[in-house]
């Protein structure tokens, strides 16, 4: 079942960020990028 996440909840936002950061690391590696801005985004964004 698809469920809408409440990303304004800090704990949920932290978990989402962990998933995004992991995927960005893979993307940066595939692109051979040494400077990949999404990996530097703070949680507030």
PDB file of N, CA and C in Angstrom:
ATOM      1  N   UNK A   1       0.836  -1.174   0.000  1.00  0.00           N
ATOM      2  CA  UNK A   1       0.000   0.000   0.000  1.00  0.00           C
ATOM      3  C   UNK A   1       0.886   1.244   0.000  1.00  0.00           C
ATOM      4  N   UNK A   2       0.502   2.208  -0.768  1.00  0.00           N
ATOM      5  CA  UNK A   2       1.223   3.481  -0.804  1.00  0.00           C
ATOM      6  C   UNK A   2       0.657   4.380   0.282  1.00  0.00           C
ATOM      7  N   UNK A   3       1.566   4.962   1.028  1.00  0.00           N
ATOM      8  CA  UNK A   3       1.160   5.828   2.130  1.00  0.00           C
ATOM      9  C   UNK A   3       1.927   7.144   2.036  1.00  0.00           C
ATOM     10  N   UNK A   4       1.220   8.248   2.180  1.00  0.00           N
ATOM     11  CA  UNK A   4       1.862   9.557   2.136  1.00  0.00           C
ATOM     12  C   UNK A   4       2.662   9.762   3.418  1.00  0.00           C
ATOM     13  N   UNK A   5       3.928  10.142   3.265  1.00  0.00           N
ATOM     14  CA  UNK A   5       4.786  10.367   4.423  1.00  0.00           C
ATOM     15  C   UNK A   5       4.647  11.798   4.913  1.00  0.00           C
ATOM     16  N   UNK A   6       4.711  11.950   6.209  1.00  0.00           N
ATOM     17  CA  UNK A   6       4.629  13.279   6.821  1.00  0.00           C
ATOM     18  C   UNK A   6       6.061  13.788   6.995  1.00  0.00           C
ATOM     19  N   UNK A   7       6.608  14.360   5.922  1.00  0.00           N
ATOM     20  CA  UNK A   7       8.013  14.763   5.952  1.00  0.00           C
ATOM     21  C   UNK A   7       8.273  15.979   6.833  1.00  0.00           C
ATOM     22  N   UNK A   8       7.229  16.568   7.396  1.00  0.00           N
ATOM     23  CA  UNK A   8       7.439  17.657   8.354  1.00  0.00           C
ATOM     24  C   UNK A   8       7.788  17.112   9.740  1.00  0.00           C
ATOM     25  N   UNK A   9       7.576  15.804   9.925  1.00  0.00           N
ATOM     26  CA  UNK A   9       7.970  15.127  11.166  1.00  0.00           C
ATOM     27  C   UNK A   9       9.487  14.919  11.109  1.00  0.00           C
ATOM     28  N   UNK A  10      10.209  15.450  12.075  1.00  0.00           N
ATOM     29  CA  UNK A  10      11.673  15.429  12.044  1.00  0.00           C
ATOM     30  C   UNK A  10      12.242  14.017  11.932  1.00  0.00           C
ATOM     31  N   UNK A  11      11.690  13.060  12.654  1.00  0.00           N
ATOM     32  CA  UNK A  11      12.212  11.684  12.597  1.00  0.00           C
ATOM     33  C   UNK A  11      12.002  11.067  11.215  1.00  0.00           C
ATOM     34  N   UNK A  12      10.856  11.314  10.622  1.00  0.00           N
ATOM     35  CA  UNK A  12      10.592  10.807   9.272  1.00  0.00           C
ATOM     36  C   UNK A  12      11.514  11.499   8.273  1.00  0.00           C
ATOM     37  N   UNK A  13      11.689  12.803   8.423  1.00  0.00           N
ATOM     38  CA  UNK A  13      12.579  13.556   7.531  1.00  0.00           C
ATOM     39  C   UNK A  13      14.006  13.019   7.607  1.00  0.00           C
ATOM     40  N   UNK A  14      14.463  12.680   8.796  1.00  0.00           N
ATOM     41  CA  UNK A  14      15.821  12.136   8.958  1.00  0.00           C
ATOM     42  C   UNK A  14      15.959  10.804   8.234  1.00  0.00           C
ATOM     43  N   UNK A  15      14.944   9.943   8.343  1.00  0.00           N
ATOM     44  CA  UNK A  15      14.988   8.639   7.674  1.00  0.00           C
ATOM     45  C   UNK A  15      14.959   8.806   6.156  1.00  0.00           C
ATOM     46  N   UNK A  16      14.133   9.740   5.696  1.00  0.00           N
ATOM     47  CA  UNK A  16      14.071  10.003   4.257  1.00  0.00           C
ATOM     48  C   UNK A  16      15.416  10.507   3.748  1.00  0.00           C
ATOM     49  N   UNK A  17      16.037  11.372   4.520  1.00  0.00           N
ATOM     50  CA  UNK A  17      17.335  11.928   4.117  1.00  0.00           C
ATOM     51  C   UNK A  17      18.388  10.827   4.006  1.00  0.00           C
ATOM     52  N   UNK A  18      18.374   9.884   4.938  1.00  0.00           N
ATOM     53  CA  UNK A  18      19.325   8.769   4.873  1.00  0.00           C
ATOM     54  C   UNK A  18      19.172   7.993   3.566  1.00  0.00           C
ATOM     55  N   UNK A  19      17.932   7.760   3.170  1.00  0.00           N
ATOM     56  CA  UNK A  19      17.674   7.033   1.924  1.00  0.00           C
ATOM     57  C   UNK A  19      18.149   7.847   0.722  1.00  0.00           C
ATOM     58  N   UNK A  20      17.805   9.138   0.700  1.00  0.00           N
ATOM     59  CA  UNK A  20      18.242   9.994  -0.404  1.00  0.00           C
ATOM     60  C   UNK A  20      19.762  10.080  -0.468  1.00  0.00           C
ATOM     61  N   UNK A  21      20.418  10.237   0.664  1.00  0.00           N
ATOM     62  CA  UNK A  21      21.876  10.356   0.677  1.00  0.00           C
ATOM     63  C   UNK A  21      22.519   9.081   0.137  1.00  0.00           C
ATOM     64  N   UNK A  22      21.968   7.927   0.500  1.00  0.00           N
ATOM     65  CA  UNK A  22      22.506   6.659  -0.008  1.00  0.00           C
ATOM     66  C   UNK A  22      22.357   6.593  -1.533  1.00  0.00           C
ATOM     67  N   UNK A  23      21.208   7.016  -2.039  1.00  0.00           N
ATOM     68  CA  UNK A  23      20.999   6.976  -3.492  1.00  0.00           C
ATOM     69  C   UNK A  23      21.881   8.001  -4.208  1.00  0.00           C
ATOM     70  N   UNK A  24      22.087   9.159  -3.593  1.00  0.00           N
ATOM     71  CA  UNK A  24      22.964  10.167  -4.192  1.00  0.00           C
ATOM     72  C   UNK A  24      24.407   9.677  -4.254  1.00  0.00           C
ATOM     73  N   UNK A  25      24.838   8.923  -3.264  1.00  0.00           N
ATOM     74  CA  UNK A  25      26.199   8.370  -3.285  1.00  0.00           C
ATOM     75  C   UNK A  25      26.369   7.427  -4.462  1.00  0.00           C
ATOM     76  N   UNK A  26      25.361   6.602  -4.707  1.00  0.00           N
ATOM     77  CA  UNK A  26      25.407   5.684  -5.847  1.00  0.00           C
ATOM     78  C   UNK A  26      25.434   6.480  -7.149  1.00  0.00           C
ATOM     79  N   UNK A  27      24.581   7.489  -7.248  1.00  0.00           N
ATOM     80  CA  UNK A  27      24.530   8.320  -8.453  1.00  0.00           C
ATOM     81  C   UNK A  27      25.864   9.020  -8.704  1.00  0.00           C
ATOM     82  N   UNK A  28      26.452   9.584  -7.658  1.00  0.00           N
ATOM     83  CA  UNK A  28      27.743  10.261  -7.795  1.00  0.00           C
ATOM     84  C   UNK A  28      28.813   9.286  -8.276  1.00  0.00           C
ATOM     85  N   UNK A  29      28.780   8.079  -7.745  1.00  0.00           N
ATOM     86  CA  UNK A  29      29.769   7.072  -8.152  1.00  0.00           C
ATOM     87  C   UNK A  29      29.580   6.695  -9.623  1.00  0.00           C
ATOM     88  N   UNK A  30      28.335   6.512 -10.040  1.00  0.00           N
ATOM     89  CA  UNK A  30      28.057   6.168 -11.439  1.00  0.00           C
ATOM     90  C   UNK A  30      28.501   7.273 -12.395  1.00  0.00           C
ATOM     91  N   UNK A  31      28.405   8.514 -11.934  1.00  0.00           N
ATOM     92  CA  UNK A  31      28.797   9.660 -12.759  1.00  0.00           C
ATOM     93  C   UNK A  31      30.270  10.027 -12.607  1.00  0.00           C
ATOM     94  N   UNK A  32      30.971   9.300 -11.738  1.00  0.00           N
ATOM     95  CA  UNK A  32      32.367   9.617 -11.421  1.00  0.00           C
ATOM     96  C   UNK A  32      32.508  11.065 -10.957  1.00  0.00           C
ATOM     97  N   UNK A  33      31.537  11.525 -10.196  1.00  0.00           N
ATOM     98  CA  UNK A  33      31.529  12.912  -9.716  1.00  0.00           C
ATOM     99  C   UNK A  33      32.298  13.019  -8.406  1.00  0.00           C
ATOM    100  N   UNK A  34      33.180  13.984  -8.333  1.00  0.00           N
ATOM    101  CA  UNK A  34      33.910  14.219  -7.084  1.00  0.00           C
ATOM    102  C   UNK A  34      33.232  15.299  -6.249  1.00  0.00           C
ATOM    103  N   UNK A  35      32.485  16.178  -6.912  1.00  0.00           N
ATOM    104  CA  UNK A  35      31.749  17.230  -6.219  1.00  0.00           C
ATOM    105  C   UNK A  35      30.284  17.090  -6.621  1.00  0.00           C
ATOM    106  N   UNK A  36      29.474  16.517  -5.747  1.00  0.00           N
ATOM    107  CA  UNK A  36      28.072  16.240  -6.062  1.00  0.00           C
ATOM    108  C   UNK A  36      27.192  17.000  -5.077  1.00  0.00           C
ATOM    109  N   UNK A  37      26.646  18.165  -5.484  1.00  0.00           N
ATOM    110  CA  UNK A  37      25.900  19.042  -4.572  1.00  0.00           C
ATOM    111  C   UNK A  37      24.791  18.382  -3.748  1.00  0.00           C
ATOM    112  N   UNK A  38      24.016  17.430  -4.289  1.00  0.00           N
ATOM    113  CA  UNK A  38      22.969  16.841  -3.450  1.00  0.00           C
ATOM    114  C   UNK A  38      23.499  16.192  -2.166  1.00  0.00           C
ATOM    115  N   UNK A  39      24.740  15.743  -2.193  1.00  0.00           N
ATOM    116  CA  UNK A  39      25.315  15.128  -0.990  1.00  0.00           C
ATOM    117  C   UNK A  39      25.633  16.160   0.085  1.00  0.00           C
ATOM    118  N   UNK A  40      25.635  17.424  -0.292  1.00  0.00           N
ATOM    119  CA  UNK A  40      25.990  18.482   0.657  1.00  0.00           C
ATOM    120  C   UNK A  40      24.777  19.231   1.196  1.00  0.00           C
ATOM    121  N   UNK A  41      23.583  18.866   0.737  1.00  0.00           N
ATOM    122  CA  UNK A  41      22.376  19.567   1.187  1.00  0.00           C
ATOM    123  C   UNK A  41      22.090  19.274   2.656  1.00  0.00           C
ATOM    124  N   UNK A  42      21.804  20.322   3.417  1.00  0.00           N
ATOM    125  CA  UNK A  42      21.441  20.102   4.826  1.00  0.00           C
ATOM    126  C   UNK A  42      20.007  19.591   4.939  1.00  0.00           C
ATOM    127  N   UNK A  43      19.678  19.051   6.073  1.00  0.00           N
ATOM    128  CA  UNK A  43      18.341  18.506   6.309  1.00  0.00           C
ATOM    129  C   UNK A  43      17.262  19.568   6.124  1.00  0.00           C
ATOM    130  N   UNK A  44      17.556  20.806   6.453  1.00  0.00           N
ATOM    131  CA  UNK A  44      16.561  21.877   6.376  1.00  0.00           C
ATOM    132  C   UNK A  44      16.031  22.082   4.967  1.00  0.00           C
ATOM    133  N   UNK A  45      16.822  21.734   3.951  1.00  0.00           N
ATOM    134  CA  UNK A  45      16.377  21.910   2.568  1.00  0.00           C
ATOM    135  C   UNK A  45      15.603  20.699   2.152  1.00  0.00           C
TER     136      UNK A  45
END
